[in-house]
C-alpha atoms as a PDB file:
ATOM      1  CA  MET A   1      -1.286 122.753 127.325  1.00  0.00           C
ATOM      2  CA  SER A   2      -2.207 121.877 131.380  1.00  0.00           C
ATOM      3  CA  ASP A   3      -1.341 124.035 133.925  1.00  0.00           C
ATOM      4  CA  THR A   4      -0.897 121.264 136.457  1.00  0.00           C
ATOM      5  CA  LEU A   5       0.848 118.601 134.829  1.00  0.00           C
ATOM      6  CA  HIS A   6       4.527 118.762 134.696  1.00  0.00           C
ATOM      7  CA  LEU A   7       6.855 116.647 132.998  1.00  0.00           C
ATOM      8  CA  GLY A   8      10.611 116.125 133.787  1.00  0.00           C
ATOM      9  CA  ILE A   9      13.244 114.254 131.900  1.00  0.00           C
ATOM     10  CA  ASP A  10      16.489 113.221 133.524  1.00  0.00           C
ATOM     11  CA  LEU A  11      19.163 112.383 130.696  1.00  0.00           C
ATOM     12  CA  GLY A  12      21.460 110.475 132.396  1.00  0.00           C
ATOM     13  CA  GLY A  13      24.871 108.611 130.742  1.00  0.00           C
ATOM     14  CA  THR A  14      23.040 105.047 131.555  1.00  0.00           C
ATOM     15  CA  LYS A  15      19.376 105.725 131.903  1.00  0.00           C
ATOM     16  CA  ILE A  16      16.701 108.251 130.618  1.00  0.00           C
ATOM     17  CA  GLU A  17      13.909 108.759 133.207  1.00  0.00           C
ATOM     18  CA  LEU A  18      10.682 110.430 133.052  1.00  0.00           C
ATOM     19  CA  LEU A  19       8.488 111.849 136.053  1.00  0.00           C
ATOM     20  CA  ALA A  20       5.032 113.307 135.813  1.00  0.00           C
ATOM     21  CA  LEU A  21       3.863 115.603 138.443  1.00  0.00           C
ATOM     22  CA  HIS A  22       0.696 117.150 139.094  1.00  0.00           C
ATOM     23  CA  GLY A  23       1.751 120.002 141.672  1.00  0.00           C
ATOM     24  CA  GLU A  24       3.719 118.014 144.175  1.00  0.00           C
ATOM     25  CA  ARG A  25       2.079 114.490 143.486  1.00  0.00           C
ATOM     26  CA  GLU A  26       3.675 112.154 141.165  1.00  0.00           C
ATOM     27  CA  LEU A  27       1.633 110.397 138.900  1.00  0.00           C
ATOM     28  CA  LEU A  28       3.895 108.427 136.472  1.00  0.00           C
ATOM     29  CA  ARG A  29       7.572 107.603 136.781  1.00  0.00           C
ATOM     30  CA  GLN A  30       9.216 105.647 133.884  1.00  0.00           C
ATOM     31  CA  ARG A  31      12.857 104.585 133.123  1.00  0.00           C
ATOM     32  CA  LEU A  32      14.712 103.293 129.732  1.00  0.00           C
ATOM     33  CA  PRO A  33      18.449 102.719 128.757  1.00  0.00           C
ATOM     34  CA  THR A  34      20.107 105.559 127.178  1.00  0.00           C
ATOM     35  CA  PRO A  35      21.525 104.432 123.636  1.00  0.00           C
ATOM     36  CA  GLN A  36      25.252 104.781 123.950  1.00  0.00           C
ATOM     37  CA  GLY A  37      26.821 106.960 121.575  1.00  0.00           C
ATOM     38  CA  ASP A  38      23.653 107.292 119.269  1.00  0.00           C
ATOM     39  CA  TYR A  39      22.030 110.997 119.347  1.00  0.00           C
ATOM     40  CA  ASP A  40      19.176 109.922 117.066  1.00  0.00           C
ATOM     41  CA  ALA A  41      18.076 106.974 119.112  1.00  0.00           C
ATOM     42  CA  THR A  42      18.626 109.320 122.243  1.00  0.00           C
ATOM     43  CA  LEU A  43      15.873 111.633 120.535  1.00  0.00           C
ATOM     44  CA  ASP A  44      13.615 109.101 119.859  1.00  0.00           C
ATOM     45  CA  THR A  45      13.736 107.486 123.453  1.00  0.00           C
ATOM     46  CA  LEU A  46      12.918 110.828 124.875  1.00  0.00           C
ATOM     47  CA  ALA A  47      10.118 111.670 122.565  1.00  0.00           C
ATOM     48  CA  HIS A  48       8.759 107.994 123.285  1.00  0.00           C
ATOM     49  CA  LEU A  49       8.865 108.370 127.188  1.00  0.00           C
ATOM     50  CA  VAL A  50       6.994 111.728 126.725  1.00  0.00           C
ATOM     51  CA  GLU A  51       4.316 110.345 124.179  1.00  0.00           C
ATOM     52  CA  ALA A  52       3.725 107.301 126.061  1.00  0.00           C
ATOM     53  CA  ALA A  53       3.621 109.037 129.409  1.00  0.00           C
ATOM     54  CA  GLU A  54       0.665 111.441 128.118  1.00  0.00           C
ATOM     55  CA  ALA A  55      -1.087 108.560 126.153  1.00  0.00           C
ATOM     56  CA  GLN A  56      -1.307 106.748 129.621  1.00  0.00           C
ATOM     57  CA  LEU A  57      -2.231 110.021 131.321  1.00  0.00           C
ATOM     58  CA  GLY A  58      -4.377 111.227 129.085  1.00  0.00           C
ATOM     59  CA  GLU A  59      -3.156 114.631 128.994  1.00  0.00           C
ATOM     60  CA  ARG A  60      -0.316 117.043 127.710  1.00  0.00           C
ATOM     61  CA  GLY A  61       2.096 118.708 129.756  1.00  0.00           C
ATOM     62  CA  SER A  62       4.858 121.209 130.058  1.00  0.00           C
ATOM     63  CA  LEU A  63       8.431 119.518 129.532  1.00  0.00           C
ATOM     64  CA  GLY A  64      11.746 120.204 131.240  1.00  0.00           C
ATOM     65  CA  VAL A  65      15.215 117.932 130.430  1.00  0.00           C
ATOM     66  CA  GLY A  66      17.917 117.956 132.766  1.00  0.00           C
ATOM     67  CA  ILE A  67      21.187 116.717 130.347  1.00  0.00           C
ATOM     68  CA  PRO A  68      24.890 116.066 131.177  1.00  0.00           C
ATOM     69  CA  GLY A  69      25.817 119.258 129.461  1.00  0.00           C
ATOM     70  CA  THR A  70      24.905 123.144 128.732  1.00  0.00           C
ATOM     71  CA  ARG A  71      22.932 124.746 125.744  1.00  0.00           C
ATOM     72  CA  SER A  72      25.193 127.178 124.782  1.00  0.00           C
ATOM     73  CA  PRO A  73      23.517 130.807 125.009  1.00  0.00           C
ATOM     74  CA  ASP A  74      25.324 131.982 121.852  1.00  0.00           C
ATOM     75  CA  HIS A  75      24.235 129.073 119.346  1.00  0.00           C
ATOM     76  CA  GLY A  76      21.716 127.263 121.008  1.00  0.00           C
ATOM     77  CA  LEU A  77      23.637 123.965 120.483  1.00  0.00           C
ATOM     78  CA  ILE A  78      24.880 121.524 123.203  1.00  0.00           C
ATOM     79  CA  LYS A  79      28.310 122.288 124.531  1.00  0.00           C
ATOM     80  CA  ASN A  80      30.170 120.387 127.423  1.00  0.00           C
ATOM     81  CA  ALA A  81      28.405 117.143 127.420  1.00  0.00           C
ATOM     82  CA  ASN A  82      30.210 113.925 128.793  1.00  0.00           C
ATOM     83  CA  SER A  83      27.544 112.206 126.494  1.00  0.00           C
ATOM     84  CA  THR A  84      29.456 113.727 123.609  1.00  0.00           C
ATOM     85  CA  CYS A  85      27.002 112.427 120.902  1.00  0.00           C
ATOM     86  CA  LEU A  86      24.968 115.312 122.238  1.00  0.00           C
ATOM     87  CA  ILE A  87      27.647 118.003 121.251  1.00  0.00           C
ATOM     88  CA  GLY A  88      26.778 120.519 118.490  1.00  0.00           C
ATOM     89  CA  ARG A  89      23.112 118.939 118.393  1.00  0.00           C
ATOM     90  CA  ASP A  90      20.172 121.485 118.491  1.00  0.00           C
ATOM     91  CA  LEU A  91      18.391 119.038 121.253  1.00  0.00           C
ATOM     92  CA  GLN A  92      15.792 121.759 122.502  1.00  0.00           C
ATOM     93  CA  GLY A  93      14.532 122.411 118.645  1.00  0.00           C
ATOM     94  CA  ASP A  94      14.895 118.785 117.706  1.00  0.00           C
ATOM     95  CA  LEU A  95      12.575 117.886 120.647  1.00  0.00           C
ATOM     96  CA  GLU A  96      10.294 120.976 120.322  1.00  0.00           C
ATOM     97  CA  ARG A  97       9.820 119.974 116.487  1.00  0.00           C
ATOM     98  CA  ARG A  98       9.269 116.397 117.460  1.00  0.00           C
ATOM     99  CA  LEU A  99       6.699 117.182 120.210  1.00  0.00           C
ATOM    100  CA  ASP A 100       5.266 120.362 118.795  1.00  0.00           C
ATOM    101  CA  ARG A 101       5.452 122.247 122.068  1.00  0.00           C
ATOM    102  CA  PRO A 102       8.277 124.389 123.761  1.00  0.00           C
ATOM    103  CA  VAL A 103      10.959 122.547 126.015  1.00  0.00           C
ATOM    104  CA  ARG A 104      12.961 123.983 128.582  1.00  0.00           C
ATOM    105  CA  LEU A 105      16.829 122.623 129.185  1.00  0.00           C
ATOM    106  CA  ALA A 106      19.068 122.619 131.883  1.00  0.00           C
ATOM    107  CA  ASN A 107      22.133 121.000 133.167  1.00  0.00           C
ATOM    108  CA  ASP A 108      21.531 117.900 135.208  1.00  0.00           C
ATOM    109  CA  ALA A 109      23.646 119.294 138.206  1.00  0.00           C
ATOM    110  CA  ASP A 110      21.597 122.269 138.297  1.00  0.00           C
ATOM    111  CA  CYS A 111      18.254 120.268 137.909  1.00  0.00           C
ATOM    112  CA  PHE A 112      19.416 118.386 141.241  1.00  0.00           C
ATOM    113  CA  ALA A 113      20.571 121.532 142.909  1.00  0.00           C
ATOM    114  CA  LEU A 114      17.215 122.947 142.218  1.00  0.00           C
ATOM    115  CA  SER A 115      15.246 119.830 143.611  1.00  0.00           C
ATOM    116  CA  GLU A 116      17.603 119.547 146.808  1.00  0.00           C
ATOM    117  CA  ALA A 117      17.516 123.322 147.821  1.00  0.00           C
ATOM    118  CA  THR A 118      13.660 123.763 147.234  1.00  0.00           C
ATOM    119  CA  ASP A 119      12.547 120.945 149.632  1.00  0.00           C
ATOM    120  CA  GLY A 120      15.516 118.239 149.799  1.00  0.00           C
ATOM    121  CA  ALA A 121      18.600 118.128 152.123  1.00  0.00           C
ATOM    122  CA  GLY A 122      19.333 122.201 151.209  1.00  0.00           C
ATOM    123  CA  ALA A 123      16.059 123.289 152.431  1.00  0.00           C
ATOM    124  CA  GLY A 124      16.283 126.669 153.939  1.00  0.00           C
ATOM    125  CA  ALA A 125      19.811 127.202 153.455  1.00  0.00           C
ATOM    126  CA  SER A 126      20.709 130.602 151.849  1.00  0.00           C
ATOM    127  CA  SER A 127      23.419 128.895 149.556  1.00  0.00           C
ATOM    128  CA  VAL A 128      23.612 125.552 148.452  1.00  0.00           C
ATOM    129  CA  PHE A 129      25.994 123.818 146.135  1.00  0.00           C
ATOM    130  CA  GLY A 130      24.419 120.773 144.762  1.00  0.00           C
ATOM    131  CA  VAL A 131      27.296 117.957 143.482  1.00  0.00           C
ATOM    132  CA  ILE A 132      26.564 115.155 140.927  1.00  0.00           C
ATOM    133  CA  LEU A 133      29.113 112.150 141.384  1.00  0.00           C
ATOM    134  CA  GLY A 134      28.010 109.792 138.970  1.00  0.00           C
ATOM    135  CA  THR A 135      29.211 109.208 134.915  1.00  0.00           C
ATOM    136  CA  GLY A 136      30.554 112.608 135.383  1.00  0.00           C
ATOM    137  CA  VAL A 137      31.034 115.377 138.052  1.00  0.00           C
ATOM    138  CA  GLY A 138      29.008 118.406 138.032  1.00  0.00           C
ATOM    139  CA  GLY A 139      27.542 121.105 140.250  1.00  0.00           C
ATOM    140  CA  GLY A 140      24.646 123.662 140.307  1.00  0.00           C
ATOM    141  CA  ILE A 141      24.681 126.761 142.644  1.00  0.00           C
ATOM    142  CA  LEU A 142      21.741 128.280 144.740  1.00  0.00           C
ATOM    143  CA  ILE A 143      21.713 131.421 146.222  1.00  0.00           C
ATOM    144  CA  HIS A 144      18.367 132.257 148.320  1.00  0.00           C
ATOM    145  CA  GLY A 145      16.380 129.769 146.247  1.00  0.00           C
ATOM    146  CA  ARG A 146      17.419 130.929 142.762  1.00  0.00           C
ATOM    147  CA  LEU A 147      19.771 129.036 140.495  1.00  0.00           C
ATOM    148  CA  LEU A 148      23.091 131.077 139.840  1.00  0.00           C
ATOM    149  CA  SER A 149      23.490 131.301 135.833  1.00  0.00           C
ATOM    150  CA  GLY A 150      26.065 133.574 133.799  1.00  0.00           C
ATOM    151  CA  PRO A 151      26.758 134.445 130.175  1.00  0.00           C
ATOM    152  CA  ASN A 152      28.904 131.155 129.604  1.00  0.00           C
ATOM    153  CA  ALA A 153      26.124 128.946 131.062  1.00  0.00           C
ATOM    154  CA  ILE A 154      28.821 127.232 133.205  1.00  0.00           C
ATOM    155  CA  ALA A 155      28.051 127.968 136.845  1.00  0.00           C
ATOM    156  CA  GLY A 156      29.067 125.115 138.960  1.00  0.00           C
ATOM    157  CA  GLU A 157      30.887 123.317 136.720  1.00  0.00           C
ATOM    158  CA  TRP A 158      33.812 122.386 139.146  1.00  0.00           C
ATOM    159  CA  GLY A 159      34.461 119.156 137.551  1.00  0.00           C
ATOM    160  CA  HIS A 160      36.504 120.712 134.832  1.00  0.00           C
ATOM    161  CA  ASN A 161      38.915 122.483 136.899  1.00  0.00           C
ATOM    162  CA  SER A 162      42.343 120.712 137.843  1.00  0.00           C
ATOM    163  CA  LEU A 163      42.230 118.626 140.760  1.00  0.00           C
ATOM    164  CA  PRO A 164      44.005 121.031 143.597  1.00  0.00           C
ATOM    165  CA  TRP A 165      46.732 120.118 145.622  1.00  0.00           C
ATOM    166  CA  ARG A 166      48.444 117.343 143.252  1.00  0.00           C
ATOM    167  CA  GLN A 167      50.152 114.225 145.320  1.00  0.00           C
ATOM    168  CA  VAL A 168      52.278 111.545 143.893  1.00  0.00           C
ATOM    169  CA  SER A 169      49.625 109.000 145.304  1.00  0.00           C
ATOM    170  CA  ASP A 170      47.207 110.572 142.670  1.00  0.00           C
ATOM    171  CA  GLY A 171      49.163 108.858 139.654  1.00  0.00           C
ATOM    172  CA  PRO A 172      49.745 110.139 136.360  1.00  0.00           C
ATOM    173  CA  ALA A 173      47.801 112.712 134.535  1.00  0.00           C
ATOM    174  CA  GLN A 174      44.925 111.483 132.542  1.00  0.00           C
ATOM    175  CA  ARG A 175      43.099 113.395 129.747  1.00  0.00           C
ATOM    176  CA  CYS A 176      39.748 114.194 130.157  1.00  0.00           C
ATOM    177  CA  TYR A 177      37.033 113.799 127.288  1.00  0.00           C
ATOM    178  CA  CYS A 178      37.161 117.863 127.265  1.00  0.00           C
ATOM    179  CA  GLY A 179      40.698 117.994 126.058  1.00  0.00           C
ATOM    180  CA  LYS A 180      42.473 119.035 129.472  1.00  0.00           C
ATOM    181  CA  GLU A 181      44.366 116.701 131.564  1.00  0.00           C
ATOM    182  CA  ASP A 182      43.942 116.109 135.451  1.00  0.00           C
ATOM    183  CA  CYS A 183      40.016 117.207 135.413  1.00  0.00           C
ATOM    184  CA  ILE A 184      38.599 116.597 138.550  1.00  0.00           C
ATOM    185  CA  GLU A 185      36.284 114.527 136.844  1.00  0.00           C
ATOM    186  CA  THR A 186      38.685 112.022 135.828  1.00  0.00           C
ATOM    187  CA  PHE A 187      39.194 111.427 139.331  1.00  0.00           C
ATOM    188  CA  LEU A 188      35.596 111.630 141.149  1.00  0.00           C
ATOM    189  CA  SER A 189      33.243 110.416 138.606  1.00  0.00           C
ATOM    190  CA  GLY A 190      32.551 106.731 138.847  1.00  0.00           C
ATOM    191  CA  PRO A 191      34.258 105.790 135.382  1.00  0.00           C
ATOM    192  CA  GLY A 192      37.210 107.957 136.424  1.00  0.00           C
ATOM    193  CA  TRP A 193      37.871 106.214 139.875  1.00  0.00           C
ATOM    194  CA  ALA A 194      37.088 102.804 138.733  1.00  0.00           C
ATOM    195  CA  GLY A 195      39.853 103.427 135.914  1.00  0.00           C
ATOM    196  CA  ARG A 196      42.244 105.060 137.862  1.00  0.00           C
ATOM    197  CA  ASN A 197      42.661 102.344 140.250  1.00  0.00           C
ATOM    198  CA  GLY A 198      43.086  99.319 137.955  1.00  0.00           C
ATOM    199  CA  LEU A 199      41.361  97.188 140.464  1.00  0.00           C
ATOM    200  CA  GLY A 200      39.099  95.640 137.438  1.00  0.00           C
ATOM    201  CA  MET A 201      35.792  96.682 139.028  1.00  0.00           C
ATOM    202  CA  ASP A 202      33.482  99.342 138.912  1.00  0.00           C
ATOM    203  CA  ALA A 203      32.949 101.969 141.192  1.00  0.00           C
ATOM    204  CA  SER A 204      30.385 100.281 143.033  1.00  0.00           C
ATOM    205  CA  ALA A 205      32.173  97.177 143.433  1.00  0.00           C
ATOM    206  CA  ILE A 206      35.264  99.232 145.027  1.00  0.00           C
ATOM    207  CA  ALA A 207      32.953 100.734 147.454  1.00  0.00           C
ATOM    208  CA  GLN A 208      31.401  97.273 148.449  1.00  0.00           C
ATOM    209  CA  ALA A 209      34.856  95.777 148.722  1.00  0.00           C
ATOM    210  CA  ALA A 210      36.365  98.631 150.805  1.00  0.00           C
ATOM    211  CA  GLY A 211      33.096  98.123 153.266  1.00  0.00           C
ATOM    212  CA  ALA A 212      33.799  94.241 153.078  1.00  0.00           C
ATOM    213  CA  GLY A 213      37.328  95.484 154.577  1.00  0.00           C
ATOM    214  CA  ASP A 214      39.253  94.810 151.657  1.00  0.00           C
ATOM    215  CA  LYS A 215      42.542  96.667 151.988  1.00  0.00           C
ATOM    216  CA  VAL A 216      43.240  97.731 148.476  1.00  0.00           C
ATOM    217  CA  ALA A 217      39.861  99.015 147.975  1.00  0.00           C
ATOM    218  CA  SER A 218      40.214 100.374 151.282  1.00  0.00           C
ATOM    219  CA  ALA A 219      43.251 102.554 149.971  1.00  0.00           C
ATOM    220  CA  ALA A 220      41.446 103.537 146.893  1.00  0.00           C
ATOM    221  CA  LEU A 221      38.159 104.667 148.917  1.00  0.00           C
ATOM    222  CA  GLU A 222      40.917 106.787 151.390  1.00  0.00           C
ATOM    223  CA  ARG A 223      42.279 108.460 148.120  1.00  0.00           C
ATOM    224  CA  TYR A 224      38.936 108.982 146.765  1.00  0.00           C
ATOM    225  CA  CYS A 225      37.945 110.976 149.923  1.00  0.00           C
ATOM    226  CA  ASP A 226      40.769 112.834 150.108  1.00  0.00           C
ATOM    227  CA  GLN A 227      40.666 114.177 146.410  1.00  0.00           C
ATOM    228  CA  LEU A 228      36.826 114.558 147.136  1.00  0.00           C
ATOM    229  CA  ALA A 229      37.894 116.903 150.166  1.00  0.00           C
ATOM    230  CA  ARG A 230      40.353 118.796 147.768  1.00  0.00           C
ATOM    231  CA  GLY A 231      37.999 119.323 145.045  1.00  0.00           C
ATOM    232  CA  LEU A 232      35.152 120.643 147.268  1.00  0.00           C
ATOM    233  CA  ALA A 233      37.416 122.843 149.351  1.00  0.00           C
ATOM    234  CA  SER A 234      38.378 125.008 146.382  1.00  0.00           C
ATOM    235  CA  VAL A 235      34.756 125.415 146.103  1.00  0.00           C
ATOM    236  CA  ILE A 236      34.348 126.639 149.506  1.00  0.00           C
ATOM    237  CA  ASN A 237      37.211 128.923 149.142  1.00  0.00           C
ATOM    238  CA  LEU A 238      35.513 130.540 146.294  1.00  0.00           C
ATOM    239  CA  ILE A 239      31.650 130.708 147.247  1.00  0.00           C
ATOM    240  CA  ASP A 240      31.558 129.477 150.839  1.00  0.00           C
ATOM    241  CA  PRO A 241      28.194 127.667 150.436  1.00  0.00           C
ATOM    242  CA  GLU A 242      26.109 126.544 153.678  1.00  0.00           C
ATOM    243  CA  VAL A 243      25.250 123.200 152.746  1.00  0.00           C
ATOM    244  CA  ILE A 244      26.989 121.043 149.860  1.00  0.00           C
ATOM    245  CA  VAL A 245      24.613 118.174 148.811  1.00  0.00           C
ATOM    246  CA  LEU A 246      26.118 115.128 146.956  1.00  0.00           C
ATOM    247  CA  GLY A 247      24.009 112.960 144.549  1.00  0.00           C
ATOM    248  CA  GLY A 248      24.717 110.505 141.808  1.00  0.00           C
ATOM    249  CA  GLY A 249      25.698 107.004 142.123  1.00  0.00           C
ATOM    250  CA  LEU A 250      28.718 107.625 144.427  1.00  0.00           C
ATOM    251  CA  SER A 251      26.870 109.800 146.839  1.00  0.00           C
ATOM    252  CA  ASN A 252      25.567 106.447 148.216  1.00  0.00           C
ATOM    253  CA  ILE A 253      29.119 105.525 149.790  1.00  0.00           C
ATOM    254  CA  ALA A 254      28.114 106.375 153.420  1.00  0.00           C
ATOM    255  CA  ALA A 255      32.105 106.860 154.082  1.00  0.00           C
ATOM    256  CA  LEU A 256      32.197 110.301 152.166  1.00  0.00           C
ATOM    257  CA  TYR A 257      30.178 111.458 155.077  1.00  0.00           C
ATOM    258  CA  ARG A 258      32.121 110.262 157.664  1.00  0.00           C
ATOM    259  CA  GLN A 259      35.661 111.039 156.402  1.00  0.00           C
ATOM    260  CA  VAL A 260      35.540 114.217 153.840  1.00  0.00           C
ATOM    261  CA  PRO A 261      34.386 116.648 156.708  1.00  0.00           C
ATOM    262  CA  LEU A 262      37.188 115.398 158.369  1.00  0.00           C
ATOM    263  CA  LEU A 263      39.686 116.220 155.696  1.00  0.00           C
ATOM    264  CA  LEU A 264      38.228 119.567 154.749  1.00  0.00           C
ATOM    265  CA  PRO A 265      40.114 121.525 157.473  1.00  0.00           C
ATOM    266  CA  ARG A 266      43.202 120.772 155.803  1.00  0.00           C
ATOM    267  CA  TYR A 267      42.537 122.609 152.771  1.00  0.00           C
ATOM    268  CA  VAL A 268      39.598 125.103 153.183  1.00  0.00           C
ATOM    269  CA  PHE A 269      40.949 128.558 154.135  1.00  0.00           C
ATOM    270  CA  SER A 270      39.164 128.830 157.632  1.00  0.00           C
ATOM    271  CA  ASP A 271      40.298 127.851 161.065  1.00  0.00           C
ATOM    272  CA  ARG A 272      36.870 125.836 161.069  1.00  0.00           C
ATOM    273  CA  VAL A 273      34.589 124.452 158.310  1.00  0.00           C
ATOM    274  CA  ASN A 274      30.996 125.092 158.971  1.00  0.00           C
ATOM    275  CA  THR A 275      29.680 123.862 155.792  1.00  0.00           C
ATOM    276  CA  ARG A 276      27.399 120.755 156.031  1.00  0.00           C
ATOM    277  CA  LEU A 277      28.175 117.757 153.550  1.00  0.00           C
ATOM    278  CA  VAL A 278      24.858 116.101 152.908  1.00  0.00           C
ATOM    279  CA  PRO A 279      23.160 113.272 150.767  1.00  0.00           C
ATOM    280  CA  ALA A 280      20.364 114.453 148.652  1.00  0.00           C
ATOM    281  CA  ARG A 281      16.954 113.640 150.463  1.00  0.00           C
ATOM    282  CA  HIS A 282      15.697 112.725 147.191  1.00  0.00           C
ATOM    283  CA  GLY A 283      18.268 110.304 146.415  1.00  0.00           C
ATOM    284  CA  ASP A 284      18.018 109.464 142.444  1.00  0.00           C
ATOM    285  CA  SER A 285      14.871 111.094 141.914  1.00  0.00           C
ATOM    286  CA  SER A 286      16.211 114.790 142.614  1.00  0.00           C
ATOM    287  CA  GLY A 287      17.376 115.746 139.054  1.00  0.00           C
ATOM    288  CA  VAL A 288      14.180 114.566 137.187  1.00  0.00           C
ATOM    289  CA  ARG A 289      12.154 116.455 140.080  1.00  0.00           C
ATOM    290  CA  GLY A 290      14.099 119.559 139.271  1.00  0.00           C
ATOM    291  CA  ALA A 291      13.368 118.906 135.395  1.00  0.00           C
ATOM    292  CA  ALA A 292       9.935 118.787 135.800  1.00  0.00           C
ATOM    293  CA  TRP A 293      10.168 122.088 137.987  1.00  0.00           C
ATOM    294  CA  LEU A 294      11.758 124.130 135.235  1.00  0.00           C
ATOM    295  CA  TRP A 295       8.143 125.306 134.154  1.00  0.00           C
ATOM    296  CA  ARG A 296       7.271 126.361 137.813  1.00  0.00           C
END
């Protein structure tokens, strides 16, 4: 196996992306749609991306995969995945057998946070909370450049706490795929935000309409910013990160970086909030970069 070729895969809810790196140099990037609700087809797509990339490059590499869930430290099967077809599956073992090599898995938000804390928007900070606001809501924590991990492999999973400081304007309770009600993910994920507002638009369209001055969409965005501020305030109260880096599709909404810092002092247990809220430097590439670096 090459000491210099590192392959990373970001297994997302709508796309699967592969990145091939030699050191810091990008050699190849490929994307395919994620098969919906089909584990075997997902496994086939992952293997195809790796095999096609190595055939093109003429070299085998290490492989790291960021997943929308966690590999259980108890039994090795996937848990806590919003792509529910992965739950209870031996994804690492299946990939290792299929590709005849060791594979490292990590939560996609951990991969994102690793990338951004290393040479991204959180570079140089002593503590970084990396946030995914996309198909799901996840988080990863780095302290002095090292990923925080614990005995349950769930560090940073703020999306499955209840939304704090509940308000009438938040609407009725909704059940999350995890079985609980009012998880932060049901408010702040793209599908969650779109579904709760009943505008018949996806999250991107709501953000565009708000930017164009639509009053209903603007009100929906204001609620989203307040809910995001409440969710992040609970994280700040707990771990007090120097930097919070936002990634995922909703992180591209410019209003978040104007409005949320102004709202945080309402909820953070401090007379001043010094935590910086910033967009990812590497954008959509951060997760797959972090996955490639799992072997470094």
